[in-house]
Amino acid sequence: MLDGVMRRLIEPALAKAGRALAAGGIGADAVTLAGFALGLAAAAVIALAGPVWVALALLLASRLCDGLDGAVARARQKSDFGGYLDIVCDFAFYAAIPLAFVLRDPAANGVAGAALLASFYINGATFLGFAVLAEKRGLETRSRGEKSLYFSAGLLEGTETIGFFVLVTLWPAGFASAAWVFAALCLLTALSRVFLARGRFGGPH
């Protein structure tokens, strides 16, 4: 829901940094993989109950890289593989953080973490399915910036998910309660996208 607003706020700075990285010979795929590695490092710190500030710094650095890789690609040359690698690493990161909280305290966080991951799976399926059909029909949108895939808007998007991760990183004892709420909102987002797809792609029945 907030991705469009956030994108307009940070796009100028990202574009400038992306051009600087590209001029230095750094490729978009390298930035994507660096962001993924930082995200996994954040998950490891969370799982091991390490210092909160370290986990938070790694998590935010990971998401900064996730924003920069597209800027670097636009400054150099975009590729379909780069877009594919980006979405795969994003989904893997989104799975790693909840899993880290489950590993940290399976008894307290196991069921809530499983529910959250299931909601991510379902929401991701509606997102990617919509993108496939949008590509098939030649639909385009730049409401979430210039992307390799069609990004259909929803109640929860990347900005809200990062905000949730920041919240539970700062307040690990509240993970289970927060995860149940976020999972419910993810399922609501998925359902709304199904209705959106029905209206956009549905034929006579």
Protein backbone atom coordinates (compact mmCIF):
# COMPACT_ATOMS: atom_id res chain seq x y z
CA MET A 1 0.00 0.00 0.00
CA LEU A 2 2.87 2.36 0.83
CA ASP A 3 5.35 1.25 -1.85
CA GLY A 4 4.26 3.94 -4.30
CA VAL A 5 4.71 6.71 -1.74
CA MET A 6 8.03 5.32 -0.52
CA ARG A 7 9.30 4.92 -4.07
CA ARG A 8 8.63 8.58 -4.87
CA LEU A 9 10.49 9.63 -1.72
CA ILE A 10 13.62 7.56 -2.20
CA GLU A 11 13.86 7.23 -5.99
CA PRO A 12 16.06 10.32 -6.57
CA ALA A 13 18.64 9.21 -3.99
CA LEU A 14 18.58 5.61 -5.24
CA ALA A 15 19.04 6.71 -8.84
CA LYS A 16 22.04 8.85 -7.93
CA ALA A 17 23.65 6.07 -5.89
CA GLY A 18 22.88 3.54 -8.62
CA ARG A 19 24.64 5.65 -11.23
CA ALA A 20 27.67 5.98 -8.96
CA LEU A 21 27.87 2.22 -8.40
CA ALA A 22 27.41 1.52 -12.10
CA ALA A 23 30.18 4.00 -12.93
CA GLY A 24 32.42 2.11 -10.52
CA GLY A 25 31.88 -1.10 -12.45
CA ILE A 26 29.52 -2.75 -9.96
CA GLY A 27 26.75 -4.80 -11.57
CA ALA A 28 23.15 -5.06 -10.50
CA ASP A 29 23.34 -8.82 -9.89
CA ALA A 30 26.24 -8.31 -7.49
CA VAL A 31 24.19 -5.79 -5.53
CA THR A 32 21.24 -8.22 -5.45
CA LEU A 33 23.41 -11.03 -4.12
CA ALA A 34 25.07 -8.73 -1.57
CA GLY A 35 21.64 -7.73 -0.30
CA PHE A 36 20.61 -11.36 -0.05
CA ALA A 37 23.77 -12.24 1.88
CA LEU A 38 23.15 -9.37 4.29
CA GLY A 39 19.57 -10.55 4.76
CA LEU A 40 20.72 -14.07 5.59
CA ALA A 41 23.25 -12.63 8.01
CA ALA A 42 20.44 -10.66 9.71
CA ALA A 43 18.39 -13.86 9.97
CA ALA A 44 21.34 -15.68 11.52
CA VAL A 45 21.81 -12.96 14.15
CA ILE A 46 18.09 -13.07 14.96
CA ALA A 47 18.06 -16.87 15.22
CA LEU A 48 21.05 -16.82 17.57
CA ALA A 49 19.51 -14.03 19.68
CA GLY A 50 22.42 -11.77 18.86
CA PRO A 51 22.57 -8.01 19.38
CA VAL A 52 19.41 -6.29 18.18
CA TRP A 53 21.30 -3.38 16.65
CA VAL A 54 23.44 -5.76 14.56
CA ALA A 55 20.40 -7.62 13.25
CA LEU A 56 18.61 -4.37 12.48
CA ALA A 57 21.61 -2.84 10.71
CA LEU A 58 22.06 -5.95 8.56
CA LEU A 59 18.36 -6.11 7.74
CA LEU A 60 18.19 -2.45 6.68
CA ALA A 61 21.42 -2.73 4.68
CA SER A 62 19.93 -5.73 2.90
CA ARG A 63 16.83 -3.78 1.90
CA LEU A 64 18.95 -0.83 0.80
CA CYS A 65 20.73 -3.15 -1.61
CA ASP A 66 17.34 -4.41 -2.78
CA GLY A 67 16.47 -0.86 -3.75
CA LEU A 68 19.85 -0.15 -5.29
CA ASP A 69 20.05 -3.15 -7.60
CA GLY A 70 17.28 -1.84 -9.82
CA ALA A 71 18.87 1.61 -9.90
CA VAL A 72 22.19 0.08 -10.97
CA ALA A 73 20.43 -1.98 -13.64
CA ARG A 74 18.74 1.11 -15.05
CA ALA A 75 22.08 2.94 -15.10
CA ARG A 76 23.83 0.06 -16.88
CA GLN A 77 21.65 -2.42 -18.73
CA LYS A 78 18.62 -4.29 -17.44
CA SER A 79 18.33 -8.01 -18.00
CA ASP A 80 15.51 -10.49 -17.60
CA PHE A 81 17.77 -12.68 -15.48
CA GLY A 82 18.51 -9.76 -13.18
CA GLY A 83 14.79 -9.27 -12.57
CA TYR A 84 14.37 -13.00 -12.00
CA LEU A 85 17.29 -13.15 -9.55
CA ASP A 86 15.92 -10.14 -7.68
CA ILE A 87 12.48 -11.67 -7.08
CA VAL A 88 13.95 -15.05 -6.07
CA CYS A 89 16.27 -13.40 -3.53
CA ASP A 90 13.43 -11.24 -2.23
CA PHE A 91 11.18 -14.23 -1.59
CA ALA A 92 14.03 -16.15 0.03
CA PHE A 93 14.74 -13.18 2.31
CA TYR A 94 11.06 -12.87 3.25
CA ALA A 95 11.12 -16.55 4.27
CA ALA A 96 14.42 -16.36 6.15
CA ILE A 97 13.40 -13.74 8.72
CA PRO A 98 10.26 -15.51 10.05
CA LEU A 99 12.19 -18.81 10.02
CA ALA A 100 14.88 -17.14 12.13
CA PHE A 101 12.33 -16.28 14.81
CA VAL A 102 11.01 -19.85 14.77
CA LEU A 103 14.53 -21.22 15.22
CA ARG A 104 15.17 -18.70 17.98
CA ASP A 105 12.24 -19.96 20.07
CA PRO A 106 10.34 -22.86 18.48
CA ALA A 107 7.96 -23.30 21.39
CA ALA A 108 6.81 -19.68 21.44
CA ASN A 109 7.08 -18.84 17.75
CA GLY A 110 6.66 -22.10 15.86
CA VAL A 111 2.93 -22.07 15.09
CA ALA A 112 2.74 -18.32 14.48
CA GLY A 113 5.83 -18.48 12.26
CA ALA A 114 4.36 -21.35 10.25
CA ALA A 115 1.12 -19.42 9.77
CA LEU A 116 3.05 -16.36 8.67
CA LEU A 117 5.13 -18.32 6.17
CA ALA A 118 1.98 -19.96 4.80
CA SER A 119 0.40 -16.53 4.32
CA PHE A 120 3.54 -15.33 2.54
CA TYR A 121 3.34 -18.38 0.25
CA ILE A 122 -0.30 -17.76 -0.61
CA ASN A 123 0.19 -14.03 -1.08
CA GLY A 124 3.25 -14.66 -3.23
CA ALA A 125 1.27 -17.04 -5.43
CA THR A 126 -1.39 -14.39 -6.08
CA PHE A 127 1.30 -11.81 -6.82
CA LEU A 128 3.28 -13.96 -9.25
CA GLY A 129 0.15 -15.39 -10.89
CA PHE A 130 -1.12 -11.89 -11.52
CA ALA A 131 2.26 -10.90 -12.97
CA VAL A 132 2.22 -13.86 -15.38
CA LEU A 133 -1.23 -13.02 -16.71
CA ALA A 134 -0.38 -9.32 -16.92
CA GLU A 135 2.68 -10.16 -19.01
CA LYS A 136 0.56 -12.43 -21.22
CA ARG A 137 -1.82 -9.54 -21.89
CA GLY A 138 0.91 -6.95 -22.34
CA LEU A 139 -0.11 -4.91 -19.30
CA GLU A 140 2.38 -2.46 -17.81
CA THR A 141 2.51 -0.28 -14.71
CA ARG A 142 5.13 1.97 -13.13
CA SER A 143 3.17 2.82 -10.00
CA ARG A 144 5.84 0.92 -8.01
CA GLY A 145 8.75 2.09 -10.09
CA GLU A 146 10.26 0.49 -13.17
CA LYS A 147 10.14 -3.26 -12.53
CA SER A 148 10.86 -6.44 -14.45
CA LEU A 149 7.49 -7.86 -13.35
CA TYR A 150 4.03 -6.38 -13.15
CA PHE A 151 3.64 -5.28 -9.52
CA SER A 152 -0.01 -5.41 -8.53
CA ALA A 153 -0.80 -3.18 -5.57
CA GLY A 154 -2.05 -4.61 -2.28
CA LEU A 155 -2.79 -3.83 1.32
CA LEU A 156 0.63 -5.20 2.32
CA GLU A 157 3.64 -4.65 0.11
CA GLY A 158 7.39 -4.47 0.59
CA THR A 159 7.33 -1.33 2.72
CA GLU A 160 4.86 -2.80 5.20
CA THR A 161 6.76 -6.08 5.33
CA ILE A 162 10.05 -4.34 6.08
CA GLY A 163 8.28 -2.30 8.75
CA PHE A 164 6.99 -5.51 10.29
CA PHE A 165 10.46 -7.06 10.26
CA VAL A 166 11.91 -3.96 11.91
CA LEU A 167 9.19 -4.09 14.57
CA VAL A 168 9.78 -7.73 15.52
CA THR A 169 13.55 -7.32 15.37
CA LEU A 170 13.27 -4.55 17.94
CA TRP A 171 10.60 -6.45 19.91
CA PRO A 172 11.36 -10.18 19.52
CA ALA A 173 9.13 -11.14 22.46
CA GLY A 174 6.15 -9.86 20.48
CA PHE A 175 6.86 -11.89 17.35
CA ALA A 176 4.05 -14.42 17.80
CA SER A 177 1.33 -11.85 18.37
CA ALA A 178 2.56 -9.60 15.57
CA ALA A 179 2.94 -12.57 13.20
CA TRP A 180 -0.69 -13.63 13.63
CA VAL A 181 -1.90 -10.12 12.81
CA PHE A 182 0.43 -9.77 9.84
CA ALA A 183 -0.51 -13.22 8.52
CA ALA A 184 -4.20 -12.28 8.60
CA LEU A 185 -3.47 -9.07 6.71
CA CYS A 186 -1.40 -11.02 4.16
CA LEU A 187 -4.32 -13.34 3.52
CA LEU A 188 -6.62 -10.34 3.15
CA THR A 189 -4.16 -8.89 0.63
CA ALA A 190 -4.13 -12.20 -1.27
CA LEU A 191 -7.93 -12.35 -1.33
CA SER A 192 -8.20 -8.79 -2.60
CA ARG A 193 -5.72 -9.61 -5.38
CA VAL A 194 -7.81 -12.64 -6.38
CA PHE A 195 -10.85 -10.37 -6.75
CA LEU A 196 -8.71 -7.89 -8.68
CA ALA A 197 -7.58 -10.66 -11.03
CA ARG A 198 -11.17 -11.84 -11.43
CA GLY A 199 -12.21 -8.37 -12.49
CA ARG A 200 -9.22 -7.82 -14.77
CA PHE A 201 -8.81 -11.25 -16.35
CA GLY A 202 -12.15 -12.97 -15.86
CA GLY A 203 -14.35 -13.80 -18.81
CA PRO A 204 -18.04 -14.65 -19.01
CA HIS A 205 -19.22 -17.43 -16.69
